[in-house]
Protein backbone atom coordinates (compact mmCIF):
# COMPACT_ATOMS: atom_id res chain seq x y z
CA MET A 1 -0.02 0.00 0.02
CA GLU A 2 2.86 2.35 0.82
CA LYS A 3 4.19 1.88 -2.74
CA ILE A 4 0.81 2.83 -4.17
CA VAL A 5 0.39 5.98 -2.14
CA ASN A 6 3.91 7.06 -3.05
CA THR A 7 3.39 6.82 -6.83
CA PRO A 8 3.58 10.08 -8.78
CA GLU A 9 -0.09 9.87 -9.72
CA PHE A 10 -1.25 9.66 -6.14
CA SER A 11 1.44 11.72 -4.51
CA VAL A 12 0.24 15.02 -5.87
CA ALA A 13 0.53 16.90 -2.58
CA GLU A 14 -3.02 18.20 -2.66
CA ASN A 15 -4.50 14.72 -3.14
CA GLN A 16 -2.44 13.18 -0.42
CA ASP A 17 -3.19 16.04 2.03
CA ILE A 18 -6.92 15.81 1.43
CA LEU A 19 -7.32 12.03 1.20
CA LEU A 20 -4.87 10.89 3.87
CA ASP A 21 -2.76 13.32 5.85
CA ASN A 22 -5.39 15.82 6.97
CA ARG A 23 -7.90 13.03 7.74
CA ASN A 24 -5.30 11.11 9.74
CA LYS A 25 -4.44 14.17 11.84
CA ASN A 26 -8.09 14.85 12.52
CA TRP A 27 -8.72 11.20 13.42
CA VAL A 28 -5.81 11.19 15.85
CA GLU A 29 -7.26 14.13 17.72
CA GLN A 30 -10.62 12.38 17.91
CA LEU A 31 -9.07 9.06 18.92
CA LYS A 32 -7.11 10.74 21.75
CA VAL A 33 -10.45 11.74 23.30
CA ILE A 34 -12.04 8.32 22.75
CA MET A 35 -9.00 6.44 24.11
CA LYS A 36 -8.58 8.52 27.27
CA ASN A 37 -9.93 5.83 29.60
CA ASN A 38 -10.12 2.66 27.51
CA PRO A 39 -8.24 0.84 24.80
CA VAL A 40 -10.08 0.71 21.49
CA PHE A 41 -10.07 -1.25 18.25
CA THR A 42 -9.93 0.99 15.23
CA ALA A 43 -10.33 -0.24 11.66
CA VAL A 44 -9.36 1.96 8.69
CA GLY A 45 -8.30 1.56 5.09
CA ALA A 46 -4.70 0.42 4.64
CA GLY A 47 -3.59 3.70 3.06
CA HIS A 48 -4.22 5.44 6.38
CA LEU A 49 -1.71 3.25 8.20
CA VAL A 50 1.58 3.76 6.31
CA GLY A 51 4.15 6.53 6.18
CA LYS A 52 5.24 9.34 8.45
CA ASN A 53 1.73 10.81 8.44
CA GLY A 54 0.02 7.46 8.80
CA LEU A 55 -2.12 6.71 11.85
CA ILE A 56 0.41 4.28 13.33
CA ALA A 57 3.26 6.81 13.23
CA LEU A 58 1.06 9.71 14.45
CA LEU A 59 -0.37 7.72 17.40
CA ARG A 60 3.07 6.40 18.40
CA ALA A 61 4.40 9.98 18.29
CA GLU A 62 1.70 10.87 20.83
CA GLY A 63 2.91 8.05 23.11
CA TYR A 64 0.33 5.43 22.29
CA THR A 65 1.11 1.71 21.86
CA VAL A 66 -0.16 0.54 18.49
CA ARG A 67 -0.22 -3.09 17.53
CA GLY A 68 -1.67 -5.17 14.71
CA LEU A 69 -3.94 -8.17 15.05
CA GLU A 70 -3.15 -11.55 13.57
CA ASN A 71 -5.82 -13.33 11.62
CA LYS A 72 -5.62 -16.96 12.72
C-alpha cells in the first residue's frame, strides 16, 4: 500500500493532504479523546496506516502503543 500512495499519480501533494494526511491528523485528535480511559479497536483503510503521516506513526508519536492483530 505504501508503494501505491507514493506513486507520482497519487502523490500530488493536494490529493495526499486531502485524502490521507489531513484526515489522519483529525482522526488522531478524535481518537485521543475516545481512548482517554479505555483501549479501543480501530479499523481503517490500509492507506491510512503507512508513512510518516499514517495513523500508526502519528499515534506512536503521541505516546500510544499501536499493535496489529493476527488473523488466525
